[in-house]
Amino acid sequence: MAALKHYRATTVLRAENYERAKKFYTGVLELDQEEPGFVAAALSPGPLEKAVAQAPPTEGKFYAGHDTEISIYERPGIPAPTNTVLAFEVPFDDFDDTLEELRSKGVVFEDYDIPDIGLKTVNGVAVMEGSKAAWFKDTEGNIIGIGSAEAGFDRRGRALPLLQ
């Protein structure tokens, strides 16, 4: 099967400082985390494996709902992308509470005014017919979105056809 639509997708993010990113993703966003290499290093007695086990990790995997996997690797000197690199979908009724909780942890939501596409945020939130969206930057400058759609609307705020 050549089409990818049947397979799970993940994202890979770069970090200027992995330890700082790890604290953000586990502490602020409360994602579960796994660092590769430690299990293999602990099972292998060679000097290289022992050195790897003692060195601080520079990459790891983080997990959110529905088996979502986010890989983060440290690569100093590479600039952060200027587009959204990761987005979370939250239930419409939880959107405002989610933003309030993140704000209480120091997250600052971005304000945008892009008339070409009809996007304007107020207090960090864009309200479109049937949906809301907000964006913030992680500690590494990566742009993360949060989106939500009311029942009867798709993720882009378009009304869904009524079922007969």
Protein backbone atom coordinates (compact mmCIF):
# COMPACT_ATOMS: atom_id res chain seq x y z
CA MET A 1 0.00 0.00 0.00
CA ALA A 2 1.68 3.20 -1.18
CA ALA A 3 -0.66 5.80 0.34
CA LEU A 4 0.33 7.21 3.72
CA LYS A 5 -3.19 8.16 4.80
CA HIS A 6 -3.55 4.85 6.64
CA TYR A 7 -0.53 5.34 8.89
CA ARG A 8 0.12 7.25 12.08
CA ALA A 9 2.14 10.45 11.73
CA THR A 10 4.57 11.92 14.24
CA THR A 11 6.58 15.12 14.39
CA VAL A 12 10.26 15.84 14.97
CA LEU A 13 11.32 19.13 16.57
CA ARG A 14 14.75 20.66 16.95
CA ALA A 15 15.93 22.21 20.19
CA GLU A 16 18.74 24.58 20.95
CA ASN A 17 18.91 23.02 24.43
CA TYR A 18 17.38 19.57 24.96
CA GLU A 19 17.28 19.74 28.77
CA ARG A 20 15.40 23.03 28.66
CA ALA A 21 12.96 21.62 26.07
CA LYS A 22 12.47 18.46 28.13
CA LYS A 23 11.51 20.51 31.20
CA PHE A 24 8.97 22.44 29.11
CA TYR A 25 7.36 19.41 27.47
CA THR A 26 7.19 17.35 30.67
CA GLY A 27 6.58 20.14 33.20
CA VAL A 28 4.45 22.71 31.37
CA LEU A 29 2.71 20.55 28.76
CA GLU A 30 2.77 17.48 31.06
CA LEU A 31 3.69 15.02 28.30
CA ASP A 32 5.09 11.59 29.12
CA GLN A 33 8.75 11.18 28.14
CA GLU A 34 11.23 8.51 27.08
CA GLU A 35 14.93 8.98 26.37
CA PRO A 36 16.44 6.49 23.90
CA GLY A 37 19.74 4.84 24.56
CA PHE A 38 19.58 4.28 28.31
CA VAL A 39 18.06 0.80 28.16
CA ALA A 40 20.58 -0.41 25.57
CA ALA A 41 23.46 1.21 27.43
CA ALA A 42 22.41 -0.37 30.70
CA LEU A 43 22.23 -3.82 29.11
CA SER A 44 25.56 -3.57 27.25
CA PRO A 45 28.72 -3.62 29.35
CA GLY A 46 31.11 -2.04 26.79
CA PRO A 47 32.96 1.26 27.49
CA LEU A 48 31.13 3.17 24.73
CA GLU A 49 27.74 2.12 26.11
CA LYS A 50 28.80 3.12 29.63
CA ALA A 51 29.93 6.53 28.36
CA VAL A 52 26.61 7.00 26.55
CA ALA A 53 24.72 6.08 29.72
CA GLN A 54 26.67 8.70 31.70
CA ALA A 55 26.36 11.50 29.13
CA PRO A 56 23.28 13.70 29.37
CA PRO A 57 20.77 12.83 26.65
CA THR A 58 20.38 15.15 23.69
CA GLU A 59 17.18 13.66 22.30
CA GLY A 60 14.02 12.01 23.49
CA LYS A 61 10.45 11.06 22.68
CA PHE A 62 7.41 12.64 24.28
CA TYR A 63 3.87 11.28 24.22
CA ALA A 64 0.49 13.01 24.22
CA GLY A 65 -3.01 11.60 23.78
CA HIS A 66 -4.10 9.10 21.13
CA ASP A 67 -0.59 7.65 20.77
CA THR A 68 0.83 10.96 19.55
CA GLU A 69 4.63 10.89 19.49
CA ILE A 70 6.88 13.96 19.44
CA SER A 71 10.62 13.50 18.98
CA ILE A 72 12.94 16.29 20.07
CA TYR A 73 16.64 16.43 19.32
CA GLU A 74 19.28 18.98 20.29
CA ARG A 75 20.90 20.83 17.41
CA PRO A 76 22.39 24.15 18.57
CA GLY A 77 22.66 26.87 15.96
CA ILE A 78 19.74 25.75 13.78
CA PRO A 79 17.06 28.45 13.77
CA ALA A 80 13.51 27.60 14.79
CA PRO A 81 10.98 27.35 11.94
CA THR A 82 8.64 30.31 11.51
CA ASN A 83 5.56 28.16 10.92
CA THR A 84 3.44 25.96 13.18
CA VAL A 85 5.35 22.70 13.72
CA LEU A 86 2.97 20.96 16.12
CA ALA A 87 -0.72 21.35 16.93
CA PHE A 88 -2.95 19.91 19.60
CA GLU A 89 -6.69 19.38 19.14
CA VAL A 90 -8.71 19.89 22.30
CA PRO A 91 -12.45 19.53 22.84
CA PHE A 92 -14.26 22.84 22.27
CA ASP A 93 -15.58 22.94 25.84
CA ASP A 94 -12.01 22.50 27.22
CA PHE A 95 -10.33 25.14 25.03
CA ASP A 96 -10.55 28.15 27.38
CA ASP A 97 -9.61 26.12 30.47
CA THR A 98 -6.63 24.63 28.63
CA LEU A 99 -5.33 28.08 27.70
CA GLU A 100 -5.91 29.36 31.25
CA GLU A 101 -3.93 26.44 32.69
CA LEU A 102 -1.06 26.97 30.25
CA ARG A 103 -1.02 30.71 30.99
CA SER A 104 -0.79 29.91 34.72
CA LYS A 105 2.39 27.96 33.90
CA GLY A 106 3.94 30.93 32.09
CA VAL A 107 2.93 30.19 28.48
CA VAL A 108 2.46 33.37 26.44
CA PHE A 109 0.13 33.13 23.46
CA GLU A 110 1.10 34.86 20.25
CA ASP A 111 -0.99 37.61 18.66
CA TYR A 112 -1.41 37.61 14.90
CA ASP A 113 -3.11 39.96 12.46
CA ILE A 114 -2.95 38.52 8.95
CA PRO A 115 -5.70 40.14 6.83
CA ASP A 116 -4.74 38.14 3.71
CA ILE A 117 -6.11 34.99 5.31
CA GLY A 118 -8.64 36.61 7.63
CA LEU A 119 -6.79 35.70 10.80
CA LYS A 120 -6.71 38.00 13.80
CA THR A 121 -6.17 36.99 17.40
CA VAL A 122 -7.49 38.84 20.42
CA ASN A 123 -5.67 38.08 23.66
CA GLY A 124 -3.89 35.27 21.81
CA VAL A 125 -7.05 33.57 20.48
CA ALA A 126 -8.46 33.48 16.95
CA VAL A 127 -12.21 32.90 16.86
CA MET A 128 -13.61 31.69 13.57
CA GLU A 129 -17.09 30.43 12.84
CA GLY A 130 -17.35 27.23 14.85
CA SER A 131 -13.72 27.05 15.94
CA LYS A 132 -10.99 28.63 18.06
CA ALA A 133 -7.21 28.54 17.71
CA ALA A 134 -4.18 29.83 19.59
CA TRP A 135 -0.42 29.62 19.13
CA PHE A 136 2.55 29.81 21.48
CA LYS A 137 6.28 29.18 21.30
CA ASP A 138 8.08 26.53 23.28
CA THR A 139 11.39 27.30 25.00
CA GLU A 140 13.20 26.59 21.72
CA GLY A 141 11.14 28.97 19.55
CA ASN A 142 9.04 26.24 17.90
CA ILE A 143 5.48 27.42 17.20
CA ILE A 144 2.80 25.17 18.69
CA GLY A 145 -0.89 25.50 17.95
CA ILE A 146 -4.00 24.57 19.87
CA GLY A 147 -7.24 24.18 17.96
CA SER A 148 -10.82 23.32 18.74
CA ALA A 149 -14.07 23.01 16.81
CA GLU A 150 -17.65 23.12 18.03
CA ALA A 151 -19.91 20.18 17.32
CA GLY A 152 -21.14 20.48 13.75
CA PHE A 153 -17.94 22.10 12.46
CA ASP A 154 -14.69 20.68 11.13
CA ARG A 155 -11.22 21.72 12.33
CA ARG A 156 -11.18 24.62 9.85
CA GLY A 157 -14.44 26.05 11.16
CA ARG A 158 -16.50 24.85 8.19
CA ALA A 159 -20.03 23.68 8.89
CA LEU A 160 -20.41 19.92 8.45
CA PRO A 161 -23.27 18.70 6.30
CA LEU A 162 -26.30 17.59 8.26
CA LEU A 163 -27.00 13.88 8.21
CA GLN A 164 -30.48 12.89 7.08
